Amino acid sequence: MRRVLVGTIGYHNLRDFSIGPKLLPRLRAIAWPAGVEVDELNWGPIAIVQKFEALSRPYDRLVILTATPRDRPVGTITLFRWGGGLPSNEEIQARISEAVTGVISLDNLLVIGEYFGIWPDEVIVVDVEPGPEEAGDSFSPEIEAGLPMLVATVQRAALKDIETLSPLQKMRGDHLKLAAGIT
């Protein structure tokens, strides 16, 4: 039996940036096949590293749902396949420092997890382009309209053979930009 973790990342009460936490109950309510778990991954990269290191049997696939600004039209869903690769040691340390302060960041989580060697061979990111960063508990109209497609995409990413998940864009740690102000 394949083990798959569907993880959500995002801030609470920050409109589109809250996609992970807001959809967590909906994702947990799905009748997933045996071997699929759904959990929030907001509790800090080092804690997540420790959780993955303590597993008696590792996951075969990790699917992460998040909203990250990447200069796409609001509501655009992109599937990425994590390809590893690490930035400089200085950048890794900067990402760890940022994570310790409570910043929730997919990119930091991926790089820190890669550094500690915890990721399964298949890591897929379901990333939706958020609207403006604003406080609130509702989604932008574009995100709201795309929720059924977003949930279906997460399900496909968790259950389908990786070869059928095209187009998967590549994402590597040594190509990610460090957040502004971190040096």
Protein backbone atom coordinates (compact mmCIF):
# COMPACT_ATOMS: atom_id res chain seq x y z
CA MET A 1 0.00 0.00 0.00
CA ARG A 2 1.34 3.40 -1.01
CA ARG A 3 1.56 6.03 1.70
CA VAL A 4 0.62 9.54 0.65
CA LEU A 5 0.51 12.67 2.75
CA VAL A 6 -1.63 15.57 1.55
CA GLY A 7 -0.36 18.59 3.43
CA THR A 8 -1.69 22.13 3.54
CA ILE A 9 0.28 25.31 4.06
CA GLY A 10 -0.98 28.83 4.60
CA TYR A 11 -1.72 31.60 7.01
CA HIS A 12 -4.98 31.81 8.89
CA ASN A 13 -7.26 34.79 8.23
CA LEU A 14 -5.27 36.09 5.27
CA ARG A 15 -7.79 35.63 2.44
CA ASP A 16 -6.30 33.67 -0.48
CA PHE A 17 -3.10 32.95 1.44
CA SER A 18 -5.29 30.89 3.79
CA ILE A 19 -6.16 28.34 1.09
CA GLY A 20 -4.43 25.47 2.92
CA PRO A 21 -5.97 25.91 6.37
CA LYS A 22 -9.39 26.81 4.94
CA LEU A 23 -9.52 23.73 2.67
CA LEU A 24 -8.10 21.34 5.28
CA PRO A 25 -11.55 20.31 6.63
CA ARG A 26 -12.85 19.78 3.09
CA LEU A 27 -9.83 17.65 2.20
CA ARG A 28 -10.16 15.62 5.40
CA ALA A 29 -13.82 14.93 4.58
CA ILE A 30 -12.93 13.19 1.30
CA ALA A 31 -13.23 9.39 1.35
CA TRP A 32 -9.56 8.79 0.61
CA PRO A 33 -8.29 5.25 -0.02
CA ALA A 34 -6.24 3.51 2.66
CA GLY A 35 -2.75 4.95 2.92
CA VAL A 36 -3.69 8.59 2.30
CA GLU A 37 -3.39 11.01 5.21
CA VAL A 38 -4.30 14.70 5.29
CA ASP A 39 -2.56 17.10 7.68
CA GLU A 40 -1.65 20.73 8.13
CA LEU A 41 2.04 21.55 7.58
CA ASN A 42 2.09 24.97 9.22
CA TRP A 43 3.86 23.97 12.39
CA GLY A 44 7.38 24.85 11.32
CA PRO A 45 9.91 23.17 9.07
CA ILE A 46 12.08 21.80 11.90
CA ALA A 47 9.06 20.16 13.56
CA ILE A 48 8.07 18.71 10.19
CA VAL A 49 11.62 17.41 9.69
CA GLN A 50 11.41 15.71 13.09
CA LYS A 51 8.01 14.19 12.25
CA PHE A 52 9.30 12.78 8.95
CA GLU A 53 12.50 11.48 10.58
CA ALA A 54 10.42 9.66 13.23
CA LEU A 55 8.21 7.83 10.72
CA SER A 56 8.45 4.05 10.99
CA ARG A 57 7.58 3.83 7.30
CA PRO A 58 8.20 6.85 5.06
CA TYR A 59 5.68 8.35 2.69
CA ASP A 60 5.85 7.43 -0.97
CA ARG A 61 4.39 10.77 -2.06
CA LEU A 62 3.84 14.19 -0.53
CA VAL A 63 1.27 16.55 -2.03
CA ILE A 64 1.32 20.11 -0.74
CA LEU A 65 -1.52 22.61 -1.26
CA THR A 66 -0.62 26.27 -0.93
CA ALA A 67 -1.04 29.74 -2.43
CA THR A 68 2.18 31.45 -3.45
CA PRO A 69 2.53 34.65 -5.47
CA ARG A 70 4.45 33.80 -8.64
CA ASP A 71 3.20 36.50 -11.06
CA ARG A 72 0.40 34.44 -12.63
CA PRO A 73 -3.23 35.48 -13.05
CA VAL A 74 -5.12 35.17 -9.75
CA GLY A 75 -6.61 31.69 -9.39
CA THR A 76 -4.12 29.99 -11.72
CA ILE A 77 -3.36 26.47 -10.49
CA THR A 78 0.12 25.15 -11.18
CA LEU A 79 1.47 21.68 -10.47
CA PHE A 80 5.14 21.56 -9.54
CA ARG A 81 7.33 18.52 -8.99
CA TRP A 82 10.05 19.07 -6.46
CA GLY A 83 13.41 18.23 -8.00
CA GLY A 84 15.69 18.78 -5.02
CA GLY A 85 18.72 21.01 -5.31
CA LEU A 86 20.01 23.19 -2.54
CA PRO A 87 21.01 26.85 -2.48
CA SER A 88 24.14 28.04 -0.71
CA ASN A 89 24.71 27.20 2.96
CA GLU A 90 24.16 30.88 3.79
CA GLU A 91 20.75 30.84 2.11
CA ILE A 92 19.78 27.60 3.86
CA GLN A 93 20.68 29.20 7.20
CA ALA A 94 18.71 32.34 6.29
CA ARG A 95 15.67 30.17 5.48
CA ILE A 96 16.00 28.32 8.78
CA SER A 97 16.27 31.63 10.63
CA GLU A 98 13.20 32.95 8.86
CA ALA A 99 11.26 29.77 9.64
CA VAL A 100 12.14 30.01 13.33
CA THR A 101 10.52 33.46 13.46
CA GLY A 102 7.19 31.92 12.39
CA VAL A 103 7.17 32.81 8.70
CA ILE A 104 5.08 30.25 6.81
CA SER A 105 6.74 29.57 3.46
CA LEU A 106 6.45 26.66 1.05
CA ASP A 107 9.86 27.48 -0.40
CA ASN A 108 11.53 27.48 3.04
CA LEU A 109 9.85 24.19 3.95
CA LEU A 110 10.99 22.52 0.74
CA VAL A 111 14.60 23.71 1.04
CA ILE A 112 14.88 22.84 4.74
CA GLY A 113 13.32 19.42 4.17
CA GLU A 114 15.70 18.81 1.27
CA TYR A 115 18.67 19.80 3.42
CA PHE A 116 17.69 17.21 6.03
CA GLY A 117 16.87 14.59 3.36
CA ILE A 118 13.30 13.88 4.48
CA TRP A 119 11.33 14.11 1.25
CA PRO A 120 9.98 11.09 -0.58
CA ASP A 121 10.90 10.63 -4.24
CA GLU A 122 7.56 12.13 -5.27
CA VAL A 123 6.82 15.62 -3.94
CA ILE A 124 4.09 17.48 -5.80
CA VAL A 125 3.04 21.04 -5.07
CA VAL A 126 -0.46 22.21 -5.98
CA ASP A 127 0.08 25.96 -5.99
CA VAL A 128 -2.63 28.54 -6.68
CA GLU A 129 -1.90 32.20 -7.42
CA PRO A 130 -3.41 34.33 -4.63
CA GLY A 131 -4.94 37.76 -4.95
CA PRO A 132 -3.69 40.71 -2.89
CA GLU A 133 -2.41 40.01 0.59
CA GLU A 134 -5.29 41.19 2.79
CA ALA A 135 -6.73 40.19 6.14
CA GLY A 136 -10.02 38.35 6.01
CA ASP A 137 -11.65 34.95 5.99
CA SER A 138 -13.11 34.98 2.46
CA PHE A 139 -11.39 34.17 -0.81
CA SER A 140 -11.10 36.42 -3.83
CA PRO A 141 -13.78 35.73 -6.47
CA GLU A 142 -11.21 34.01 -8.70
CA ILE A 143 -10.14 31.59 -5.97
CA GLU A 144 -13.73 30.98 -4.86
CA ALA A 145 -14.77 30.11 -8.42
CA GLY A 146 -11.85 27.70 -8.78
CA LEU A 147 -12.30 25.76 -5.52
CA PRO A 148 -13.88 22.65 -7.11
CA MET A 149 -11.03 22.45 -9.65
CA LEU A 150 -8.45 23.02 -6.92
CA VAL A 151 -9.81 20.20 -4.75
CA ALA A 152 -10.01 17.89 -7.79
CA THR A 153 -6.39 18.77 -8.65
CA VAL A 154 -5.24 17.87 -5.13
CA GLN A 155 -7.08 14.54 -5.41
CA ARG A 156 -5.47 13.79 -8.78
CA ALA A 157 -2.04 14.74 -7.44
CA ALA A 158 -2.49 12.37 -4.50
CA LEU A 159 -3.91 9.40 -6.39
CA LYS A 160 -2.80 9.32 -10.02
CA ASP A 161 0.44 7.97 -11.46
CA ILE A 162 2.98 10.75 -11.63
CA GLU A 163 3.33 10.30 -15.40
CA THR A 164 -0.35 11.26 -15.85
CA LEU A 165 -0.02 14.52 -13.94
CA SER A 166 1.15 16.63 -16.83
CA PRO A 167 2.07 19.30 -17.12
CA LEU A 168 4.29 19.17 -14.03
CA GLN A 169 6.64 22.12 -13.82
CA LYS A 170 9.99 21.57 -12.17
CA MET A 171 10.82 23.28 -8.90
CA ARG A 172 14.34 23.19 -7.44
CA GLY A 173 15.72 24.63 -4.23
CA ASP A 174 18.69 26.21 -5.93
CA HIS A 175 16.34 28.18 -8.23
CA LEU A 176 13.95 29.58 -5.61
CA LYS A 177 14.28 33.23 -4.68
CA LEU A 178 14.83 34.06 -1.06
CA ALA A 179 12.22 36.34 0.49
CA ALA A 180 12.93 40.07 0.30
CA GLY A 181 15.00 41.40 3.15
CA ILE A 182 16.65 38.07 3.98
CA THR A 183 20.35 37.96 3.18
